[in-house]
């Protein structure tokens, strides 16, 4: 990987990089809007946000069981590690206040993306 670029006060490019590890990976960089909204969230909650999955190439998206229309493949989505109910509620509420409107809730993470529309689903 190229030198790790600082995107905001709290986030580096490497946190959003596809996890496939392949030299031929063509996953996009994260959307600047997505990163800005995550920075708002991180600043408001006052503790680190750990990204399990950011941008993905087609290969890694398929490996992870993502949909063909996954917003990860466009740099518009993140899966944020979060494993207890209290932290999920705090994180969800702040993501909403920061402008996110699309969420997937798992036992281990919250998916948030900036595609059009509003919805919520479970894994």
C-alpha atoms as a PDB file:
ATOM      1  CA  UNK A   1       0.000   0.000   0.000  1.00  0.00           C
ATOM      2  CA  UNK A   2       1.051   3.551  -0.633  1.00  0.00           C
ATOM      3  CA  UNK A   3       1.906   5.781   2.287  1.00  0.00           C
ATOM      4  CA  UNK A   4      -1.061   5.884   4.654  1.00  0.00           C
ATOM      5  CA  UNK A   5      -2.875   9.156   4.043  1.00  0.00           C
ATOM      6  CA  UNK A   6      -4.542  10.983   6.951  1.00  0.00           C
ATOM      7  CA  UNK A   7      -8.087  11.766   5.779  1.00  0.00           C
ATOM      8  CA  UNK A   8      -9.405  13.591   8.845  1.00  0.00           C
ATOM      9  CA  UNK A   9      -8.351  14.173  12.421  1.00  0.00           C
ATOM     10  CA  UNK A  10      -9.414  10.650  13.420  1.00  0.00           C
ATOM     11  CA  UNK A  11      -9.304   8.529  10.241  1.00  0.00           C
ATOM     12  CA  UNK A  12      -6.586   7.248   7.917  1.00  0.00           C
ATOM     13  CA  UNK A  13      -7.090   5.842   4.433  1.00  0.00           C
ATOM     14  CA  UNK A  14      -5.889   2.402   5.575  1.00  0.00           C
ATOM     15  CA  UNK A  15      -8.956   2.064   7.818  1.00  0.00           C
ATOM     16  CA  UNK A  16     -11.190   2.053   4.726  1.00  0.00           C
ATOM     17  CA  UNK A  17      -8.976  -0.070   2.458  1.00  0.00           C
ATOM     18  CA  UNK A  18     -10.314  -3.325   1.039  1.00  0.00           C
ATOM     19  CA  UNK A  19      -9.352  -6.357   3.126  1.00  0.00           C
ATOM     20  CA  UNK A  20      -8.653  -8.658   0.166  1.00  0.00           C
ATOM     21  CA  UNK A  21      -4.902  -8.068   0.302  1.00  0.00           C
ATOM     22  CA  UNK A  22      -4.504  -8.632  -3.460  1.00  0.00           C
ATOM     23  CA  UNK A  23      -2.130  -6.515  -5.555  1.00  0.00           C
ATOM     24  CA  UNK A  24      -4.769  -6.263  -8.279  1.00  0.00           C
ATOM     25  CA  UNK A  25      -7.469  -4.935  -5.918  1.00  0.00           C
ATOM     26  CA  UNK A  26      -9.459  -2.144  -7.553  1.00  0.00           C
ATOM     27  CA  UNK A  27     -11.648  -1.062  -4.635  1.00  0.00           C
ATOM     28  CA  UNK A  28     -12.386   2.670  -4.651  1.00  0.00           C
ATOM     29  CA  UNK A  29     -11.240   5.154  -2.042  1.00  0.00           C
ATOM     30  CA  UNK A  30     -13.982   6.055   0.440  1.00  0.00           C
ATOM     31  CA  UNK A  31     -16.320   8.896  -0.405  1.00  0.00           C
ATOM     32  CA  UNK A  32     -15.234  12.196   1.141  1.00  0.00           C
ATOM     33  CA  UNK A  33     -18.843  12.691   2.307  1.00  0.00           C
ATOM     34  CA  UNK A  34     -18.821   9.303   4.064  1.00  0.00           C
ATOM     35  CA  UNK A  35     -15.543  10.104   5.828  1.00  0.00           C
ATOM     36  CA  UNK A  36     -16.758  13.572   6.856  1.00  0.00           C
ATOM     37  CA  UNK A  37     -19.953  12.118   8.329  1.00  0.00           C
ATOM     38  CA  UNK A  38     -17.945   9.500  10.235  1.00  0.00           C
ATOM     39  CA  UNK A  39     -15.673  12.250  11.553  1.00  0.00           C
ATOM     40  CA  UNK A  40     -18.737  14.102  12.880  1.00  0.00           C
ATOM     41  CA  UNK A  41     -19.885  10.897  14.557  1.00  0.00           C
ATOM     42  CA  UNK A  42     -16.470  10.143  16.043  1.00  0.00           C
ATOM     43  CA  UNK A  43     -16.045  13.662  17.392  1.00  0.00           C
ATOM     44  CA  UNK A  44     -19.496  13.612  18.988  1.00  0.00           C
ATOM     45  CA  UNK A  45     -19.181  10.241  20.752  1.00  0.00           C
ATOM     46  CA  UNK A  46     -15.670  10.988  21.973  1.00  0.00           C
ATOM     47  CA  UNK A  47     -14.237   7.520  21.489  1.00  0.00           C
ATOM     48  CA  UNK A  48     -12.669   5.567  18.627  1.00  0.00           C
ATOM     49  CA  UNK A  49     -14.657   4.061  15.788  1.00  0.00           C
ATOM     50  CA  UNK A  50     -13.206   0.809  14.457  1.00  0.00           C
ATOM     51  CA  UNK A  51     -14.022  -0.031  10.854  1.00  0.00           C
ATOM     52  CA  UNK A  52     -14.286  -3.758  10.130  1.00  0.00           C
ATOM     53  CA  UNK A  53     -14.984  -3.245   6.446  1.00  0.00           C
ATOM     54  CA  UNK A  54     -14.820  -0.160   4.273  1.00  0.00           C
ATOM     55  CA  UNK A  55     -14.340  -0.175   0.518  1.00  0.00           C
ATOM     56  CA  UNK A  56     -14.386  -3.551  -1.240  1.00  0.00           C
ATOM     57  CA  UNK A  57     -13.421  -4.895  -4.637  1.00  0.00           C
ATOM     58  CA  UNK A  58     -15.800  -7.321  -6.381  1.00  0.00           C
ATOM     59  CA  UNK A  59     -13.683 -10.279  -5.262  1.00  0.00           C
ATOM     60  CA  UNK A  60     -13.769  -9.363  -1.560  1.00  0.00           C
ATOM     61  CA  UNK A  61     -17.411  -8.335  -1.644  1.00  0.00           C
ATOM     62  CA  UNK A  62     -18.321 -11.796  -2.941  1.00  0.00           C
ATOM     63  CA  UNK A  63     -16.069 -13.407  -0.299  1.00  0.00           C
ATOM     64  CA  UNK A  64     -17.906 -11.459   2.414  1.00  0.00           C
ATOM     65  CA  UNK A  65     -21.342 -12.381   1.051  1.00  0.00           C
ATOM     66  CA  UNK A  66     -22.153  -8.805   0.032  1.00  0.00           C
ATOM     67  CA  UNK A  67     -24.890  -8.025  -2.448  1.00  0.00           C
ATOM     68  CA  UNK A  68     -24.106  -7.262  -6.095  1.00  0.00           C
ATOM     69  CA  UNK A  69     -25.307  -3.717  -5.393  1.00  0.00           C
ATOM     70  CA  UNK A  70     -23.199  -3.330  -2.228  1.00  0.00           C
ATOM     71  CA  UNK A  71     -22.369   0.264  -1.383  1.00  0.00           C
ATOM     72  CA  UNK A  72     -18.971  -0.959  -0.127  1.00  0.00           C
ATOM     73  CA  UNK A  73     -18.035  -1.455  -3.808  1.00  0.00           C
ATOM     74  CA  UNK A  74     -18.619   2.274  -4.409  1.00  0.00           C
ATOM     75  CA  UNK A  75     -16.820   3.580  -1.325  1.00  0.00           C
ATOM     76  CA  UNK A  76     -20.136   4.617   0.224  1.00  0.00           C
ATOM     77  CA  UNK A  77     -20.362   2.198   3.178  1.00  0.00           C
ATOM     78  CA  UNK A  78     -18.641   1.020   6.328  1.00  0.00           C
ATOM     79  CA  UNK A  79     -19.180  -1.739   8.847  1.00  0.00           C
ATOM     80  CA  UNK A  80     -18.308  -0.402  12.300  1.00  0.00           C
ATOM     81  CA  UNK A  81     -17.336  -2.852  15.025  1.00  0.00           C
ATOM     82  CA  UNK A  82     -19.820  -2.704  17.890  1.00  0.00           C
ATOM     83  CA  UNK A  83     -20.693  -5.679  20.075  1.00  0.00           C
ATOM     84  CA  UNK A  84     -22.909  -4.540  22.928  1.00  0.00           C
ATOM     85  CA  UNK A  85     -26.403  -3.083  22.958  1.00  0.00           C
ATOM     86  CA  UNK A  86     -25.596   0.127  24.828  1.00  0.00           C
ATOM     87  CA  UNK A  87     -22.744   1.063  22.503  1.00  0.00           C
ATOM     88  CA  UNK A  88     -24.892   0.160  19.473  1.00  0.00           C
ATOM     89  CA  UNK A  89     -27.642   2.505  20.614  1.00  0.00           C
ATOM     90  CA  UNK A  90     -25.187   5.350  21.240  1.00  0.00           C
ATOM     91  CA  UNK A  91     -23.448   4.769  17.913  1.00  0.00           C
ATOM     92  CA  UNK A  92     -26.703   4.418  15.952  1.00  0.00           C
ATOM     93  CA  UNK A  93     -28.137   7.621  17.449  1.00  0.00           C
ATOM     94  CA  UNK A  94     -25.025   9.601  16.604  1.00  0.00           C
ATOM     95  CA  UNK A  95     -24.772   8.154  13.100  1.00  0.00           C
ATOM     96  CA  UNK A  96     -28.376   9.315  12.573  1.00  0.00           C
ATOM     97  CA  UNK A  97     -27.566  12.804  13.912  1.00  0.00           C
ATOM     98  CA  UNK A  98     -24.573  12.918  11.543  1.00  0.00           C
ATOM     99  CA  UNK A  99     -26.838  12.299   8.535  1.00  0.00           C
ATOM    100  CA  UNK A 100     -26.711   8.549   7.921  1.00  0.00           C
ATOM    101  CA  UNK A 101     -30.071   7.034   6.959  1.00  0.00           C
ATOM    102  CA  UNK A 102     -29.232   3.463   5.889  1.00  0.00           C
ATOM    103  CA  UNK A 103     -28.262   0.880   8.511  1.00  0.00           C
ATOM    104  CA  UNK A 104     -27.689  -2.829   8.853  1.00  0.00           C
ATOM    105  CA  UNK A 105     -27.519  -4.154  12.394  1.00  0.00           C
ATOM    106  CA  UNK A 106     -25.516  -7.269  13.246  1.00  0.00           C
ATOM    107  CA  UNK A 107     -24.469  -8.875  16.515  1.00  0.00           C
ATOM    108  CA  UNK A 108     -20.915  -7.654  15.826  1.00  0.00           C
ATOM    109  CA  UNK A 109     -21.206  -4.431  13.811  1.00  0.00           C
ATOM    110  CA  UNK A 110     -23.360  -1.635  12.431  1.00  0.00           C
ATOM    111  CA  UNK A 111     -23.342  -1.130   8.674  1.00  0.00           C
ATOM    112  CA  UNK A 112     -23.865   2.519   7.694  1.00  0.00           C
ATOM    113  CA  UNK A 113     -23.970   3.870   4.160  1.00  0.00           C
ATOM    114  CA  UNK A 114     -24.796   7.077   2.351  1.00  0.00           C
ATOM    115  CA  UNK A 115     -26.822   5.792  -0.576  1.00  0.00           C
ATOM    116  CA  UNK A 116     -30.135   7.517  -1.277  1.00  0.00           C
ATOM    117  CA  UNK A 117     -33.169   6.674   0.803  1.00  0.00           C
ATOM    118  CA  UNK A 118     -33.622   5.423   4.336  1.00  0.00           C
ATOM    119  CA  UNK A 119     -33.849   1.857   5.577  1.00  0.00           C
ATOM    120  CA  UNK A 120     -32.734  -0.530   8.277  1.00  0.00           C
ATOM    121  CA  UNK A 121     -32.143  -4.272   8.163  1.00  0.00           C
ATOM    122  CA  UNK A 122     -30.722  -7.010  10.342  1.00  0.00           C
ATOM    123  CA  UNK A 123     -28.133  -9.649   9.636  1.00  0.00           C
END
